[in-house]
Amino acid sequence: GKALTARELACEAAVTAQTASAHLSKLVEGKLVSFNAS
């Protein structure tokens, strides 16, 4: 339920930050994930 950064999610997924960002782009496009910029 917490909003997490790409870097934090990269640690969870055991991938690089760049790879996590690519995965997150697909999840956002697929409407499974949303984000807020700060």
Full PDB file with SEQRES, HELIX, SHEET, SSBOND, CRYST1, ORIGX, SCALE, CONECT and MASTER records, all heavy atoms in Angstrom:
SEQRES   1 A   38  GLY LYS ALA LEU THR ALA ARG GLU LEU ALA CYS GLU ALA          
SEQRES   2 A   38  ALA VAL THR ALA GLN THR ALA SER ALA HIS LEU SER LYS          
SEQRES   3 A   38  LEU VAL GLU GLY LYS LEU VAL SER PHE ASN ALA SER              
HELIX    1 AA1 ALA A    6  ALA A   13  1                                   8    
HELIX    2 AA2 ALA A   17  GLU A   29  1                                  13    
CRYST1    1.000    1.000    1.000  90.00  90.00  90.00 P 1           1          
ORIGX1      1.000000  0.000000  0.000000        0.00000                         
ORIGX2      0.000000  1.000000  0.000000        0.00000                         
ORIGX3      0.000000  0.000000  1.000000        0.00000                         
SCALE1      1.000000  0.000000  0.000000        0.00000                         
SCALE2      0.000000  1.000000  0.000000        0.00000                         
SCALE3      0.000000  0.000000  1.000000        0.00000                         
ATOM      1  N   GLY A   1       0.803  -1.218   0.000  1.00  0.00           N  
ATOM      2  CA  GLY A   1       0.000   0.000   0.000  1.00  0.00           C  
ATOM      3  C   GLY A   1       0.833   1.264   0.000  1.00  0.00           C  
ATOM      4  O   GLY A   1       0.310   2.361  -0.179  1.00  0.00           O  
ATOM      5  N   LYS A   2       2.139   1.120   0.215  1.00  0.00           N  
ATOM      6  CA  LYS A   2       3.021   2.291   0.221  1.00  0.00           C  
ATOM      7  C   LYS A   2       3.461   2.646  -1.196  1.00  0.00           C  
ATOM      8  O   LYS A   2       3.616   1.772  -2.035  1.00  0.00           O  
ATOM      9  CB  LYS A   2       4.256   2.016   1.080  1.00  0.00           C  
ATOM     10  CG  LYS A   2       3.982   1.932   2.568  1.00  0.00           C  
ATOM     11  CD  LYS A   2       5.286   1.772   3.333  1.00  0.00           C  
ATOM     12  CE  LYS A   2       5.048   1.786   4.835  1.00  0.00           C  
ATOM     13  NZ  LYS A   2       6.321   1.637   5.598  1.00  0.00           N  
ATOM     14  N   ALA A   3       3.662   3.936  -1.439  1.00  0.00           N  
ATOM     15  CA  ALA A   3       4.212   4.387  -2.713  1.00  0.00           C  
ATOM     16  C   ALA A   3       5.730   4.305  -2.611  1.00  0.00           C  
ATOM     17  O   ALA A   3       6.330   4.819  -1.665  1.00  0.00           O  
ATOM     18  CB  ALA A   3       3.766   5.808  -3.011  1.00  0.00           C  
ATOM     19  N   LEU A   4       6.363   3.634  -3.565  1.00  0.00           N  
ATOM     20  CA  LEU A   4       7.807   3.405  -3.526  1.00  0.00           C  
ATOM     21  C   LEU A   4       8.481   3.955  -4.775  1.00  0.00           C  
ATOM     22  O   LEU A   4       7.869   4.047  -5.837  1.00  0.00           O  
ATOM     23  CB  LEU A   4       8.091   1.904  -3.402  1.00  0.00           C  
ATOM     24  CG  LEU A   4       7.500   1.199  -2.172  1.00  0.00           C  
ATOM     25  CD1 LEU A   4       7.713  -0.300  -2.270  1.00  0.00           C  
ATOM     26  CD2 LEU A   4       8.119   1.746  -0.891  1.00  0.00           C  
ATOM     27  N   THR A   5       9.749   4.310  -4.635  1.00  0.00           N  
ATOM     28  CA  THR A   5      10.514   4.821  -5.769  1.00  0.00           C  
ATOM     29  C   THR A   5      11.020   3.658  -6.627  1.00  0.00           C  
ATOM     30  O   THR A   5      11.028   2.497  -6.193  1.00  0.00           O  
ATOM     31  CB  THR A   5      11.724   5.643  -5.301  1.00  0.00           C  
ATOM     32  OG1 THR A   5      12.630   4.768  -4.609  1.00  0.00           O  
ATOM     33  CG2 THR A   5      11.293   6.779  -4.389  1.00  0.00           C  
ATOM     34  N   ALA A   6      11.470   3.993  -7.827  1.00  0.00           N  
ATOM     35  CA  ALA A   6      12.028   2.971  -8.723  1.00  0.00           C  
ATOM     36  C   ALA A   6      13.244   2.304  -8.089  1.00  0.00           C  
ATOM     37  O   ALA A   6      13.445   1.099  -8.229  1.00  0.00           O  
ATOM     38  CB  ALA A   6      12.399   3.602 -10.061  1.00  0.00           C  
ATOM     39  N   ARG A   7      14.043   3.077  -7.382  1.00  0.00           N  
ATOM     40  CA  ARG A   7      15.228   2.517  -6.734  1.00  0.00           C  
ATOM     41  C   ARG A   7      14.834   1.519  -5.642  1.00  0.00           C  
ATOM     42  O   ARG A   7      15.448   0.445  -5.513  1.00  0.00           O  
ATOM     43  CB  ARG A   7      16.091   3.644  -6.133  1.00  0.00           C  
ATOM     44  CG  ARG A   7      17.415   3.164  -5.563  1.00  0.00           C  
ATOM     45  CD  ARG A   7      18.289   4.356  -5.168  1.00  0.00           C  
ATOM     46  NE  ARG A   7      18.662   5.138  -6.344  1.00  0.00           N  
ATOM     47  CZ  ARG A   7      19.659   4.845  -7.145  1.00  0.00           C  
ATOM     48  NH1 ARG A   7      20.399   3.753  -6.925  1.00  0.00           N  
ATOM     49  NH2 ARG A   7      19.951   5.619  -8.175  1.00  0.00           N  
ATOM     50  N   GLU A   8      13.833   1.870  -4.851  1.00  0.00           N  
ATOM     51  CA  GLU A   8      13.366   0.958  -3.803  1.00  0.00           C  
ATOM     52  C   GLU A   8      12.793  -0.318  -4.415  1.00  0.00           C  
ATOM     53  O   GLU A   8      13.028  -1.430  -3.918  1.00  0.00           O  
ATOM     54  CB  GLU A   8      12.307   1.653  -2.941  1.00  0.00           C  
ATOM     55  CG  GLU A   8      12.862   2.750  -2.048  1.00  0.00           C  
ATOM     56  CD  GLU A   8      11.791   3.582  -1.397  1.00  0.00           C  
ATOM     57  OE1 GLU A   8      10.728   3.816  -2.031  1.00  0.00           O  
ATOM     58  OE2 GLU A   8      11.996   4.021  -0.249  1.00  0.00           O  
ATOM     59  N   LEU A   9      12.068  -0.160  -5.508  1.00  0.00           N  
ATOM     60  CA  LEU A   9      11.470  -1.322  -6.166  1.00  0.00           C  
ATOM     61  C   LEU A   9      12.527  -2.166  -6.872  1.00  0.00           C  
ATOM     62  O   LEU A   9      12.370  -3.380  -7.005  1.00  0.00           O  
ATOM     63  CB  LEU A   9      10.386  -0.864  -7.137  1.00  0.00           C  
ATOM     64  CG  LEU A   9       9.137  -0.306  -6.448  1.00  0.00           C  
ATOM     65  CD1 LEU A   9       8.236   0.401  -7.454  1.00  0.00           C  
ATOM     66  CD2 LEU A   9       8.374  -1.408  -5.740  1.00  0.00           C  
ATOM     67  N   ALA A  10      13.608  -1.531  -7.317  1.00  0.00           N  
ATOM     68  CA  ALA A  10      14.712  -2.276  -7.913  1.00  0.00           C  
ATOM     69  C   ALA A  10      15.316  -3.228  -6.884  1.00  0.00           C  
ATOM     70  O   ALA A  10      15.658  -4.379  -7.200  1.00  0.00           O  
ATOM     71  CB  ALA A  10      15.778  -1.311  -8.432  1.00  0.00           C  
ATOM     72  N   CYS A  11      15.428  -2.765  -5.638  1.00  0.00           N  
ATOM     73  CA  CYS A  11      15.947  -3.616  -4.562  1.00  0.00           C  
ATOM     74  C   CYS A  11      15.008  -4.785  -4.305  1.00  0.00           C  
ATOM     75  O   CYS A  11      15.454  -5.921  -4.099  1.00  0.00           O  
ATOM     76  CB  CYS A  11      16.129  -2.801  -3.287  1.00  0.00           C  
ATOM     77  SG  CYS A  11      17.442  -1.562  -3.382  1.00  0.00           S  
ATOM     78  N   GLU A  12      13.702  -4.520  -4.328  1.00  0.00           N  
ATOM     79  CA  GLU A  12      12.713  -5.579  -4.107  1.00  0.00           C  
ATOM     80  C   GLU A  12      12.775  -6.629  -5.209  1.00  0.00           C  
ATOM     81  O   GLU A  12      12.582  -7.825  -4.960  1.00  0.00           O  
ATOM     82  CB  GLU A  12      11.301  -4.983  -4.049  1.00  0.00           C  
ATOM     83  CG  GLU A  12      11.026  -4.099  -2.846  1.00  0.00           C  
ATOM     84  CD  GLU A  12      10.856  -4.890  -1.566  1.00  0.00           C  
ATOM     85  OE1 GLU A  12      10.648  -6.119  -1.646  1.00  0.00           O  
ATOM     86  OE2 GLU A  12      10.954  -4.277  -0.482  1.00  0.00           O  
ATOM     87  N   ALA A  13      13.023  -6.171  -6.434  1.00  0.00           N  
ATOM     88  CA  ALA A  13      13.024  -7.082  -7.582  1.00  0.00           C  
ATOM     89  C   ALA A  13      14.406  -7.656  -7.876  1.00  0.00           C  
ATOM     90  O   ALA A  13      14.535  -8.516  -8.753  1.00  0.00           O  
ATOM     91  CB  ALA A  13      12.500  -6.353  -8.812  1.00  0.00           C  
ATOM     92  N   ALA A  14      15.414  -7.182  -7.148  1.00  0.00           N  
ATOM     93  CA  ALA A  14      16.798  -7.628  -7.351  1.00  0.00           C  
ATOM     94  C   ALA A  14      17.263  -7.368  -8.784  1.00  0.00           C  
ATOM     95  O   ALA A  14      17.863  -8.223  -9.429  1.00  0.00           O  
ATOM     96  CB  ALA A  14      16.949  -9.105  -6.993  1.00  0.00           C  
ATOM     97  N   VAL A  15      16.964  -6.162  -9.279  1.00  0.00           N  
ATOM     98  CA  VAL A  15      17.407  -5.748 -10.609  1.00  0.00           C  
ATOM     99  C   VAL A  15      18.020  -4.355 -10.497  1.00  0.00           C  
ATOM    100  O   VAL A  15      17.926  -3.700  -9.456  1.00  0.00           O  
ATOM    101  CB  VAL A  15      16.235  -5.727 -11.624  1.00  0.00           C  
ATOM    102  CG1 VAL A  15      15.670  -7.122 -11.823  1.00  0.00           C  
ATOM    103  CG2 VAL A  15      15.136  -4.754 -11.175  1.00  0.00           C  
ATOM    104  N   THR A  16      18.631  -3.877 -11.567  1.00  0.00           N  
ATOM    105  CA  THR A  16      19.199  -2.528 -11.569  1.00  0.00           C  
ATOM    106  C   THR A  16      18.074  -1.498 -11.616  1.00  0.00           C  
ATOM    107  O   THR A  16      16.934  -1.810 -12.000  1.00  0.00           O  
ATOM    108  CB  THR A  16      20.116  -2.312 -12.780  1.00  0.00           C  
ATOM    109  OG1 THR A  16      19.322  -2.368 -13.975  1.00  0.00           O  
ATOM    110  CG2 THR A  16      21.207  -3.364 -12.828  1.00  0.00           C  
ATOM    111  N   ALA A  17      18.388  -0.278 -11.228  1.00  0.00           N  
ATOM    112  CA  ALA A  17      17.395   0.802 -11.258  1.00  0.00           C  
ATOM    113  C   ALA A  17      16.885   1.034 -12.675  1.00  0.00           C  
ATOM    114  O   ALA A  17      15.699   1.304 -12.890  1.00  0.00           O  
ATOM    115  CB  ALA A  17      18.001   2.080 -10.694  1.00  0.00           C  
ATOM    116  N   GLN A  18      17.783   0.928 -13.651  1.00  0.00           N  
ATOM    117  CA  GLN A  18      17.397   1.129 -15.048  1.00  0.00           C  
ATOM    118  C   GLN A  18      16.414   0.046 -15.501  1.00  0.00           C  
ATOM    119  O   GLN A  18      15.420   0.340 -16.167  1.00  0.00           O  
ATOM    120  CB  GLN A  18      18.635   1.107 -15.938  1.00  0.00           C  
ATOM    121  CG  GLN A  18      18.351   1.415 -17.402  1.00  0.00           C  
ATOM    122  CD  GLN A  18      19.619   1.450 -18.243  1.00  0.00           C  
ATOM    123  OE1 GLN A  18      20.705   1.152 -17.765  1.00  0.00           O  
ATOM    124  NE2 GLN A  18      19.485   1.821 -19.504  1.00  0.00           N  
ATOM    125  N   THR A  19      16.671  -1.202 -15.108  1.00  0.00           N  
ATOM    126  CA  THR A  19      15.780  -2.299 -15.471  1.00  0.00           C  
ATOM    127  C   THR A  19      14.435  -2.140 -14.772  1.00  0.00           C  
ATOM    128  O   THR A  19      13.370  -2.373 -15.372  1.00  0.00           O  
ATOM    129  CB  THR A  19      16.407  -3.650 -15.086  1.00  0.00           C  
ATOM    130  OG1 THR A  19      17.640  -3.805 -15.790  1.00  0.00           O  
ATOM    131  CG2 THR A  19      15.486  -4.803 -15.433  1.00  0.00           C  
ATOM    132  N   ALA A  20      14.460  -1.718 -13.511  1.00  0.00           N  
ATOM    133  CA  ALA A  20      13.220  -1.505 -12.770  1.00  0.00           C  
ATOM    134  C   ALA A  20      12.376  -0.427 -13.442  1.00  0.00           C  
ATOM    135  O   ALA A  20      11.149  -0.559 -13.546  1.00  0.00           O  
ATOM    136  CB  ALA A  20      13.522  -1.118 -11.329  1.00  0.00           C  
ATOM    137  N   SER A  21      13.024   0.636 -13.900  1.00  0.00           N  
ATOM    138  CA  SER A  21      12.298   1.711 -14.579  1.00  0.00           C  
ATOM    139  C   SER A  21      11.621   1.212 -15.852  1.00  0.00           C  
ATOM    140  O   SER A  21      10.493   1.605 -16.165  1.00  0.00           O  
ATOM    141  CB  SER A  21      13.256   2.860 -14.913  1.00  0.00           C  
ATOM    142  OG  SER A  21      13.727   3.482 -13.742  1.00  0.00           O  
ATOM    143  N   ALA A  22      12.307   0.323 -16.586  1.00  0.00           N  
ATOM    144  CA  ALA A  22      11.720  -0.242 -17.804  1.00  0.00           C  
ATOM    145  C   ALA A  22      10.503  -1.095 -17.464  1.00  0.00           C  
ATOM    146  O   ALA A  22       9.464  -1.024 -18.138  1.00  0.00           O  
ATOM    147  CB  ALA A  22      12.765  -1.084 -18.533  1.00  0.00           C  
ATOM    148  N   HIS A  23      10.615  -1.892 -16.405  1.00  0.00           N  
ATOM    149  CA  HIS A  23       9.483  -2.716 -15.981  1.00  0.00           C  
ATOM    150  C   HIS A  23       8.311  -1.828 -15.527  1.00  0.00           C  
ATOM    151  O   HIS A  23       7.146  -2.095 -15.840  1.00  0.00           O  
ATOM    152  CB  HIS A  23       9.896  -3.629 -14.823  1.00  0.00           C  
ATOM    153  CG  HIS A  23      10.717  -4.807 -15.251  1.00  0.00           C  
ATOM    154  ND1 HIS A  23      10.332  -5.667 -16.258  1.00  0.00           N  
ATOM    155  CD2 HIS A  23      11.900  -5.293 -14.781  1.00  0.00           C  
ATOM    156  CE1 HIS A  23      11.235  -6.619 -16.397  1.00  0.00           C  
ATOM    157  NE2 HIS A  23      12.200  -6.407 -15.522  1.00  0.00           N  
ATOM    158  N   LEU A  24       8.629  -0.776 -14.794  1.00  0.00           N  
ATOM    159  CA  LEU A  24       7.584   0.113 -14.278  1.00  0.00           C  
ATOM    160  C   LEU A  24       6.865   0.830 -15.413  1.00  0.00           C  
ATOM    161  O   LEU A  24       5.651   1.053 -15.336  1.00  0.00           O  
ATOM    162  CB  LEU A  24       8.195   1.121 -13.303  1.00  0.00           C  
ATOM    163  CG  LEU A  24       8.541   0.524 -11.932  1.00  0.00           C  
ATOM    164  CD1 LEU A  24       9.491   1.440 -11.169  1.00  0.00           C  
ATOM    165  CD2 LEU A  24       7.269   0.282 -11.120  1.00  0.00           C  
ATOM    166  N   SER A  25       7.584   1.190 -16.459  1.00  0.00           N  
ATOM    167  CA  SER A  25       6.946   1.823 -17.625  1.00  0.00           C  
ATOM    168  C   SER A  25       5.900   0.894 -18.235  1.00  0.00           C  
ATOM    169  O   SER A  25       4.802   1.323 -18.612  1.00  0.00           O  
ATOM    170  CB  SER A  25       8.002   2.179 -18.674  1.00  0.00           C  
ATOM    171  OG  SER A  25       8.870   3.184 -18.201  1.00  0.00           O  
ATOM    172  N   LYS A  26       6.233  -0.385 -18.312  1.00  0.00           N  
ATOM    173  CA  LYS A  26       5.283  -1.363 -18.861  1.00  0.00           C  
ATOM    174  C   LYS A  26       4.079  -1.531 -17.941  1.00  0.00           C  
ATOM    175  O   LYS A  26       2.936  -1.650 -18.402  1.00  0.00           O  
ATOM    176  CB  LYS A  26       5.980  -2.707 -19.063  1.00  0.00           C  
ATOM    177  CG  LYS A  26       7.020  -2.692 -20.172  1.00  0.00           C  
ATOM    178  CD  LYS A  26       7.687  -4.054 -20.331  1.00  0.00           C  
ATOM    179  CE  LYS A  26       8.720  -4.022 -21.452  1.00  0.00           C  
ATOM    180  NZ  LYS A  26       9.393  -5.332 -21.620  1.00  0.00           N  
ATOM    181  N   LEU A  27       4.311  -1.535 -16.634  1.00  0.00           N  
ATOM    182  CA  LEU A  27       3.222  -1.696 -15.674  1.00  0.00           C  
ATOM    183  C   LEU A  27       2.299  -0.482 -15.658  1.00  0.00           C  
ATOM    184  O   LEU A  27       1.086  -0.607 -15.502  1.00  0.00           O  
ATOM    185  CB  LEU A  27       3.790  -1.953 -14.275  1.00  0.00           C  
ATOM    186  CG  LEU A  27       4.493  -3.299 -14.084  1.00  0.00           C  
ATOM    187  CD1 LEU A  27       5.207  -3.345 -12.737  1.00  0.00           C  
ATOM    188  CD2 LEU A  27       3.499  -4.448 -14.205  1.00  0.00           C  
ATOM    189  N   VAL A  28       2.879   0.700 -15.827  1.00  0.00           N  
ATOM    190  CA  VAL A  28       2.074   1.928 -15.919  1.00  0.00           C  
ATOM    191  C   VAL A  28       1.247   1.910 -17.201  1.00  0.00           C  
ATOM    192  O   VAL A  28       0.047   2.209 -17.189  1.00  0.00           O  
ATOM    193  CB  VAL A  28       2.976   3.178 -15.861  1.00  0.00           C  
ATOM    194  CG1 VAL A  28       2.177   4.431 -16.225  1.00  0.00           C  
ATOM    195  CG2 VAL A  28       3.593   3.327 -14.476  1.00  0.00           C  
ATOM    196  N   GLU A  29       1.883   1.536 -18.298  1.00  0.00           N  
ATOM    197  CA  GLU A  29       1.186   1.466 -19.582  1.00  0.00           C  
ATOM    198  C   GLU A  29       0.055   0.436 -19.533  1.00  0.00           C  
ATOM    199  O   GLU A  29      -1.009   0.639 -20.116  1.00  0.00           O  
ATOM    200  CB  GLU A  29       2.173   1.089 -20.684  1.00  0.00           C  
ATOM    201  CG  GLU A  29       1.555   1.092 -22.090  1.00  0.00           C  
ATOM    202  CD  GLU A  29       2.565   0.711 -23.160  1.00  0.00           C  
ATOM    203  OE1 GLU A  29       3.759   0.576 -22.842  1.00  0.00           O  
ATOM    204  OE2 GLU A  29       2.147   0.549 -24.324  1.00  0.00           O  
ATOM    205  N   GLY A  30       0.280  -0.652 -18.805  1.00  0.00           N  
ATOM    206  CA  GLY A  30      -0.733  -1.695 -18.672  1.00  0.00           C  
ATOM    207  C   GLY A  30      -1.781  -1.391 -17.622  1.00  0.00           C  
ATOM    208  O   GLY A  30      -2.658  -2.220 -17.355  1.00  0.00           O  
ATOM    209  N   LYS A  31      -1.693  -0.236 -16.979  1.00  0.00           N  
ATOM    210  CA  LYS A  31      -2.659   0.236 -15.985  1.00  0.00           C  
ATOM    211  C   LYS A  31      -2.742  -0.656 -14.743  1.00  0.00           C  
ATOM    212  O   LYS A  31      -3.782  -0.778 -14.108  1.00  0.00           O  
ATOM    213  CB  LYS A  31      -4.051   0.402 -16.618  1.00  0.00           C  
ATOM    214  CG  LYS A  31      -4.066   1.418 -17.747  1.00  0.00           C  
ATOM    215  CD  LYS A  31      -5.453   1.613 -18.323  1.00  0.00           C  
ATOM    216  CE  LYS A  31      -5.415   2.653 -19.446  1.00  0.00           C  
ATOM    217  NZ  LYS A  31      -6.744   2.855 -20.078  1.00  0.00           N  
ATOM    218  N   LEU A  32      -1.599  -1.251 -14.411  1.00  0.00           N  
ATOM    219  CA  LEU A  32      -1.506  -1.996 -13.161  1.00  0.00           C  
ATOM    220  C   LEU A  32      -0.885  -1.137 -12.061  1.00  0.00           C  
ATOM    221  O   LEU A  32      -1.104  -1.380 -10.878  1.00  0.00           O  
ATOM    222  CB  LEU A  32      -0.659  -3.261 -13.353  1.00  0.00           C  
ATOM    223  CG  LEU A  32      -1.227  -4.328 -14.291  1.00  0.00           C  
ATOM    224  CD1 LEU A  32      -0.273  -5.510 -14.382  1.00  0.00           C  
ATOM    225  CD2 LEU A  32      -2.598  -4.785 -13.832  1.00  0.00           C  
ATOM    226  N   VAL A  33      -0.125  -0.137 -12.487  1.00  0.00           N  
ATOM    227  CA  VAL A  33       0.599   0.737 -11.558  1.00  0.00           C  
ATOM    228  C   VAL A  33       0.410   2.186 -11.987  1.00  0.00           C  
ATOM    229  O   VAL A  33       0.297   2.479 -13.182  1.00  0.00           O  
ATOM    230  CB  VAL A  33       2.099   0.361 -11.538  1.00  0.00           C  
ATOM    231  CG1 VAL A  33       2.938   1.430 -10.852  1.00  0.00           C  
ATOM    232  CG2 VAL A  33       2.308  -0.983 -10.849  1.00  0.00           C  
ATOM    233  N   SER A  34       0.367   3.079 -11.002  1.00  0.00           N  
ATOM    234  CA  SER A  34       0.325   4.519 -11.285  1.00  0.00           C  
ATOM    235  C   SER A  34       1.469   5.183 -10.510  1.00  0.00           C  
ATOM    236  O   SER A  34       2.135   4.534  -9.693  1.00  0.00           O  
ATOM    237  CB  SER A  34      -1.011   5.127 -10.867  1.00  0.00           C  
ATOM    238  OG  SER A  34      -1.207   4.995  -9.472  1.00  0.00           O  
ATOM    239  N   PHE A  35       1.713   6.465 -10.768  1.00  0.00           N  
ATOM    240  CA  PHE A  35       2.782   7.151 -10.045  1.00  0.00           C  
ATOM    241  C   PHE A  35       2.439   8.616  -9.840  1.00  0.00           C  
ATOM    242  O   PHE A  35       1.614   9.203 -10.550  1.00  0.00           O  
ATOM    243  CB  PHE A  35       4.114   7.036 -10.792  1.00  0.00           C  
ATOM    244  CG  PHE A  35       4.162   7.801 -12.100  1.00  0.00           C  
ATOM    245  CD1 PHE A  35       4.541   9.134 -12.128  1.00  0.00           C  
ATOM    246  CD2 PHE A  35       3.816   7.185 -13.299  1.00  0.00           C  
ATOM    247  CE1 PHE A  35       4.583   9.846 -13.328  1.00  0.00           C  
ATOM    248  CE2 PHE A  35       3.852   7.876 -14.491  1.00  0.00           C  
ATOM    249  CZ  PHE A  35       4.235   9.207 -14.513  1.00  0.00           C  
ATOM    250  N   ASN A  36       3.090   9.192  -8.821  1.00  0.00           N  
ATOM    251  CA  ASN A  36       3.034  10.627  -8.570  1.00  0.00           C  
ATOM    252  C   ASN A  36       4.462  11.148  -8.553  1.00  0.00           C  
ATOM    253  O   ASN A  36       5.362  10.498  -8.000  1.00  0.00           O  
ATOM    254  CB  ASN A  36       2.369  10.922  -7.214  1.00  0.00           C  
ATOM    255  CG  ASN A  36       0.882  10.655  -7.241  1.00  0.00           C  
ATOM    256  OD1 ASN A  36       0.194  11.056  -8.184  1.00  0.00           O  
ATOM    257  ND2 ASN A  36       0.375   9.972  -6.229  1.00  0.00           N  
ATOM    258  N   ALA A  37       4.669  12.288  -9.187  1.00  0.00           N  
ATOM    259  CA  ALA A  37       5.999  12.889  -9.224  1.00  0.00           C  
ATOM    260  C   ALA A  37       6.160  13.873  -8.080  1.00  0.00           C  
ATOM    261  O   ALA A  37       5.252  14.651  -7.777  1.00  0.00           O  
ATOM    262  CB  ALA A  37       6.225  13.584 -10.558  1.00  0.00           C  
ATOM    263  N   SER A  38       7.312  13.807  -7.414  1.00  0.00           N  
ATOM    264  CA  SER A  38       7.630  14.752  -6.339  1.00  0.00           C  
ATOM    265  C   SER A  38       9.105  15.112  -6.459  1.00  0.00           C  
ATOM    266  O   SER A  38       9.977  14.281  -6.173  1.00  0.00           O  
ATOM    267  CB  SER A  38       7.340  14.129  -4.969  1.00  0.00           C  
ATOM    268  OG  SER A  38       7.672  15.026  -3.933  1.00  0.00           O  
TER     269      SER A  38                                                      
MASTER        0    0    0    2    0    0    0    6  268    1    0    3          
END                                                                             
